[in-house]
Amino acid sequence: MTQAQVQKTLYQSDLVAWLDDTAIKLKQRQFEDIDIDSLIEEIEGLAGRDRRELKHRLVVLLNHLIKRLYVNLPNDYRGWELTIREQRRQLTDLLEQSPSLCNYWVEIFPVAWKTALSETREDYPQFHLPDEWQFCAEINALLSEKFWENHE
């Protein structure tokens, strides 16, 4: 079995072992022994993972903002606000680590809004929810403003 076949087999059978082995080979500059195709696949996967995380957290944030703004259940406000705070913190960390995701945020906001709105409508059909986000949709505003304080 060639070194490339060994690497491919390791990649398919034990990702962590493959990652450790690849890191060692990179540090030792043993580039000829690295499974380049799998390395490319993993690097591309990392970018996709961060985009998926951003979208997921944005949907959760919007879902809880919608509930806090439009679902009149005062006993639930505190829990929704805690979730809003946590999602904002996680999104801020993600955007600080990868500022280029700001461009993706702008791209996926409409999709995230529709998803969050649909979920909230399904959970709370008795409440009227607007079809469009009625507040500032800029990243900084969504990550900091307590929209409900001016809405009530």
C-alpha atoms as a PDB file:
ATOM      1  CA  MET A   1       0.000   0.000   0.000  1.00  0.00           C
ATOM      2  CA  THR A   2       1.403   3.403  -0.959  1.00  0.00           C
ATOM      3  CA  GLN A   3       1.701   6.304   1.499  1.00  0.00           C
ATOM      4  CA  ALA A   4      -1.168   8.046  -0.319  1.00  0.00           C
ATOM      5  CA  GLN A   5      -3.386   4.964   0.091  1.00  0.00           C
ATOM      6  CA  VAL A   6      -2.482   4.726   3.777  1.00  0.00           C
ATOM      7  CA  GLN A   7      -3.382   8.385   4.231  1.00  0.00           C
ATOM      8  CA  LYS A   8      -6.699   7.973   2.372  1.00  0.00           C
ATOM      9  CA  THR A   9      -7.574   4.914   4.470  1.00  0.00           C
ATOM     10  CA  LEU A  10      -6.711   6.746   7.693  1.00  0.00           C
ATOM     11  CA  TYR A  11      -8.786   9.744   6.570  1.00  0.00           C
ATOM     12  CA  GLN A  12     -11.785   7.509   5.955  1.00  0.00           C
ATOM     13  CA  SER A  13     -11.434   5.440   9.138  1.00  0.00           C
ATOM     14  CA  ASP A  14     -10.265   7.917  11.815  1.00  0.00           C
ATOM     15  CA  LEU A  15     -10.520  11.620  11.061  1.00  0.00           C
ATOM     16  CA  VAL A  16      -8.861  12.769  14.306  1.00  0.00           C
ATOM     17  CA  ALA A  17      -5.880  10.466  13.774  1.00  0.00           C
ATOM     18  CA  TRP A  18      -5.619  11.692  10.179  1.00  0.00           C
ATOM     19  CA  LEU A  19      -5.751  15.339  11.325  1.00  0.00           C
ATOM     20  CA  ASP A  20      -3.050  14.734  13.943  1.00  0.00           C
ATOM     21  CA  ASP A  21      -0.863  12.922  11.413  1.00  0.00           C
ATOM     22  CA  THR A  22      -1.366  15.628   8.792  1.00  0.00           C
ATOM     23  CA  ALA A  23      -0.494  18.382  11.290  1.00  0.00           C
ATOM     24  CA  ILE A  24       2.722  16.590  12.204  1.00  0.00           C
ATOM     25  CA  LYS A  25       3.644  16.187   8.529  1.00  0.00           C
ATOM     26  CA  LEU A  26       2.916  19.852   7.842  1.00  0.00           C
ATOM     27  CA  LYS A  27       5.086  20.946  10.774  1.00  0.00           C
ATOM     28  CA  GLN A  28       7.880  18.681   9.555  1.00  0.00           C
ATOM     29  CA  ARG A  29       7.362  19.978   6.005  1.00  0.00           C
ATOM     30  CA  GLN A  30       6.753  16.461   4.696  1.00  0.00           C
ATOM     31  CA  PHE A  31       4.456  17.783   2.014  1.00  0.00           C
ATOM     32  CA  GLU A  32       4.919  14.811  -0.301  1.00  0.00           C
ATOM     33  CA  ASP A  33       3.384  12.540   2.370  1.00  0.00           C
ATOM     34  CA  ILE A  34       0.207  14.599   2.797  1.00  0.00           C
ATOM     35  CA  ASP A  35      -3.145  13.560   1.363  1.00  0.00           C
ATOM     36  CA  ILE A  36      -3.723  16.873  -0.419  1.00  0.00           C
ATOM     37  CA  ASP A  37      -7.211  16.046  -1.751  1.00  0.00           C
ATOM     38  CA  SER A  38      -8.498  15.217   1.732  1.00  0.00           C
ATOM     39  CA  LEU A  39      -6.787  18.296   3.177  1.00  0.00           C
ATOM     40  CA  ILE A  40      -8.542  20.483   0.596  1.00  0.00           C
ATOM     41  CA  GLU A  41     -11.848  18.780   1.401  1.00  0.00           C
ATOM     42  CA  GLU A  42     -11.383  19.468   5.121  1.00  0.00           C
ATOM     43  CA  ILE A  43     -10.432  23.114   4.603  1.00  0.00           C
ATOM     44  CA  GLU A  44     -13.465  23.674   2.391  1.00  0.00           C
ATOM     45  CA  GLY A  45     -15.569  21.895   4.993  1.00  0.00           C
ATOM     46  CA  LEU A  46     -14.391  24.289   7.700  1.00  0.00           C
ATOM     47  CA  ALA A  47     -15.641  27.288   5.745  1.00  0.00           C
ATOM     48  CA  GLY A  48     -18.960  25.560   5.143  1.00  0.00           C
ATOM     49  CA  ARG A  49     -19.243  24.704   8.827  1.00  0.00           C
ATOM     50  CA  ASP A  50     -18.790  28.334   9.822  1.00  0.00           C
ATOM     51  CA  ARG A  51     -21.405  29.452   7.291  1.00  0.00           C
ATOM     52  CA  ARG A  52     -23.866  26.848   8.593  1.00  0.00           C
ATOM     53  CA  GLU A  53     -23.201  27.928  12.175  1.00  0.00           C
ATOM     54  CA  LEU A  54     -23.731  31.590  11.291  1.00  0.00           C
ATOM     55  CA  LYS A  55     -27.012  30.824   9.547  1.00  0.00           C
ATOM     56  CA  HIS A  56     -28.244  28.584  12.360  1.00  0.00           C
ATOM     57  CA  ARG A  57     -27.402  31.125  15.070  1.00  0.00           C
ATOM     58  CA  LEU A  58     -28.966  33.951  13.060  1.00  0.00           C
ATOM     59  CA  VAL A  59     -32.197  31.948  12.699  1.00  0.00           C
ATOM     60  CA  VAL A  60     -32.244  31.269  16.455  1.00  0.00           C
ATOM     61  CA  LEU A  61     -31.554  34.947  17.184  1.00  0.00           C
ATOM     62  CA  LEU A  62     -34.328  36.136  14.868  1.00  0.00           C
ATOM     63  CA  ASN A  63     -36.730  33.519  16.191  1.00  0.00           C
ATOM     64  CA  HIS A  64     -36.263  34.769  19.739  1.00  0.00           C
ATOM     65  CA  LEU A  65     -36.339  38.422  18.703  1.00  0.00           C
ATOM     66  CA  ILE A  66     -39.662  37.797  16.965  1.00  0.00           C
ATOM     67  CA  LYS A  67     -41.043  36.079  20.065  1.00  0.00           C
ATOM     68  CA  ARG A  68     -39.805  38.829  22.368  1.00  0.00           C
ATOM     69  CA  LEU A  69     -41.242  41.527  20.130  1.00  0.00           C
ATOM     70  CA  TYR A  70     -44.592  40.047  19.137  1.00  0.00           C
ATOM     71  CA  VAL A  71     -45.566  37.156  21.409  1.00  0.00           C
ATOM     72  CA  ASN A  72     -47.288  38.604  24.461  1.00  0.00           C
ATOM     73  CA  LEU A  73     -46.232  36.058  27.076  1.00  0.00           C
ATOM     74  CA  PRO A  74     -44.424  38.113  29.750  1.00  0.00           C
ATOM     75  CA  ASN A  75     -43.450  35.035  31.766  1.00  0.00           C
ATOM     76  CA  ASP A  76     -41.299  33.927  28.809  1.00  0.00           C
ATOM     77  CA  TYR A  77     -39.565  37.248  28.144  1.00  0.00           C
ATOM     78  CA  ARG A  78     -36.578  36.573  30.407  1.00  0.00           C
ATOM     79  CA  GLY A  79     -35.795  33.216  28.769  1.00  0.00           C
ATOM     80  CA  TRP A  80     -36.063  34.692  25.289  1.00  0.00           C
ATOM     81  CA  GLU A  81     -33.787  37.574  26.267  1.00  0.00           C
ATOM     82  CA  LEU A  82     -31.199  35.156  27.651  1.00  0.00           C
ATOM     83  CA  THR A  83     -31.235  33.222  24.375  1.00  0.00           C
ATOM     84  CA  ILE A  84     -30.926  36.477  22.427  1.00  0.00           C
ATOM     85  CA  ARG A  85     -27.917  37.460  24.541  1.00  0.00           C
ATOM     86  CA  GLU A  86     -26.225  34.069  24.074  1.00  0.00           C
ATOM     87  CA  GLN A  87     -26.779  33.993  20.306  1.00  0.00           C
ATOM     88  CA  ARG A  88     -25.456  37.522  20.000  1.00  0.00           C
ATOM     89  CA  ARG A  89     -22.345  36.567  21.959  1.00  0.00           C
ATOM     90  CA  GLN A  90     -21.739  33.488  19.816  1.00  0.00           C
ATOM     91  CA  LEU A  91     -22.361  35.405  16.578  1.00  0.00           C
ATOM     92  CA  THR A  92     -20.014  38.190  17.673  1.00  0.00           C
ATOM     93  CA  ASP A  93     -17.281  35.651  18.427  1.00  0.00           C
ATOM     94  CA  LEU A  94     -17.792  33.952  15.062  1.00  0.00           C
ATOM     95  CA  LEU A  95     -17.680  37.257  13.156  1.00  0.00           C
ATOM     96  CA  GLU A  96     -14.569  38.410  15.048  1.00  0.00           C
ATOM     97  CA  GLN A  97     -12.831  35.159  14.130  1.00  0.00           C
ATOM     98  CA  SER A  98     -13.973  35.327  10.496  1.00  0.00           C
ATOM     99  CA  PRO A  99     -14.917  38.893   9.478  1.00  0.00           C
ATOM    100  CA  SER A 100     -15.570  37.797   5.886  1.00  0.00           C
ATOM    101  CA  LEU A 101     -18.725  36.102   7.204  1.00  0.00           C
ATOM    102  CA  CYS A 102     -20.258  39.589   7.417  1.00  0.00           C
ATOM    103  CA  ASN A 103     -20.777  39.385   3.662  1.00  0.00           C
ATOM    104  CA  TYR A 104     -22.500  36.036   4.076  1.00  0.00           C
ATOM    105  CA  TRP A 105     -24.717  37.487   6.833  1.00  0.00           C
ATOM    106  CA  VAL A 106     -26.082  40.074   4.401  1.00  0.00           C
ATOM    107  CA  GLU A 107     -26.669  37.341   1.822  1.00  0.00           C
ATOM    108  CA  ILE A 108     -28.527  34.956   4.125  1.00  0.00           C
ATOM    109  CA  PHE A 109     -30.493  37.414   6.265  1.00  0.00           C
ATOM    110  CA  PRO A 110     -33.635  37.187   4.100  1.00  0.00           C
ATOM    111  CA  VAL A 111     -33.573  33.380   4.207  1.00  0.00           C
ATOM    112  CA  ALA A 112     -32.888  33.340   7.947  1.00  0.00           C
ATOM    113  CA  TRP A 113     -35.740  35.798   8.512  1.00  0.00           C
ATOM    114  CA  LYS A 114     -38.217  33.670   6.550  1.00  0.00           C
ATOM    115  CA  THR A 115     -37.129  30.523   8.384  1.00  0.00           C
ATOM    116  CA  ALA A 116     -37.406  32.151  11.817  1.00  0.00           C
ATOM    117  CA  LEU A 117     -40.743  33.728  10.953  1.00  0.00           C
ATOM    118  CA  SER A 118     -42.138  30.429   9.699  1.00  0.00           C
ATOM    119  CA  GLU A 119     -41.015  28.593  12.835  1.00  0.00           C
ATOM    120  CA  THR A 120     -42.455  31.235  15.138  1.00  0.00           C
ATOM    121  CA  ARG A 121     -45.750  31.299  13.259  1.00  0.00           C
ATOM    122  CA  GLU A 122     -45.966  27.543  13.598  1.00  0.00           C
ATOM    123  CA  ASP A 123     -45.278  27.729  17.349  1.00  0.00           C
ATOM    124  CA  TYR A 124     -47.533  30.735  18.029  1.00  0.00           C
ATOM    125  CA  PRO A 125     -50.336  30.817  15.436  1.00  0.00           C
ATOM    126  CA  GLN A 126     -52.545  32.932  17.698  1.00  0.00           C
ATOM    127  CA  PHE A 127     -50.219  35.951  17.458  1.00  0.00           C
ATOM    128  CA  HIS A 128     -49.952  38.336  14.508  1.00  0.00           C
ATOM    129  CA  LEU A 129     -46.394  38.497  13.182  1.00  0.00           C
ATOM    130  CA  PRO A 130     -45.206  40.918  10.484  1.00  0.00           C
ATOM    131  CA  ASP A 131     -44.105  39.562   7.125  1.00  0.00           C
ATOM    132  CA  GLU A 132     -40.975  41.732   7.082  1.00  0.00           C
ATOM    133  CA  TRP A 133     -38.338  42.618   9.676  1.00  0.00           C
ATOM    134  CA  GLN A 134     -39.414  46.091  10.806  1.00  0.00           C
ATOM    135  CA  PHE A 135     -36.217  47.252  12.455  1.00  0.00           C
ATOM    136  CA  CYS A 136     -32.646  47.979  11.448  1.00  0.00           C
ATOM    137  CA  ALA A 137     -31.172  44.857   9.828  1.00  0.00           C
ATOM    138  CA  GLU A 138     -27.538  45.947  10.064  1.00  0.00           C
ATOM    139  CA  ILE A 139     -25.268  43.502  11.844  1.00  0.00           C
ATOM    140  CA  ASN A 140     -24.324  45.867  14.672  1.00  0.00           C
ATOM    141  CA  ALA A 141     -27.959  46.646  15.430  1.00  0.00           C
ATOM    142  CA  LEU A 142     -29.008  43.005  15.392  1.00  0.00           C
ATOM    143  CA  LEU A 143     -26.138  42.148  17.707  1.00  0.00           C
ATOM    144  CA  SER A 144     -26.834  44.858  20.267  1.00  0.00           C
ATOM    145  CA  GLU A 145     -30.174  46.650  20.177  1.00  0.00           C
ATOM    146  CA  LYS A 146     -33.012  45.775  22.519  1.00  0.00           C
ATOM    147  CA  PHE A 147     -35.645  46.367  19.875  1.00  0.00           C
ATOM    148  CA  TRP A 148     -38.438  45.463  22.279  1.00  0.00           C
ATOM    149  CA  GLU A 149     -37.688  48.440  24.549  1.00  0.00           C
ATOM    150  CA  ASN A 150     -38.823  50.880  21.858  1.00  0.00           C
ATOM    151  CA  HIS A 151     -41.563  48.604  20.582  1.00  0.00           C
ATOM    152  CA  GLU A 152     -43.646  48.153  23.720  1.00  0.00           C
END
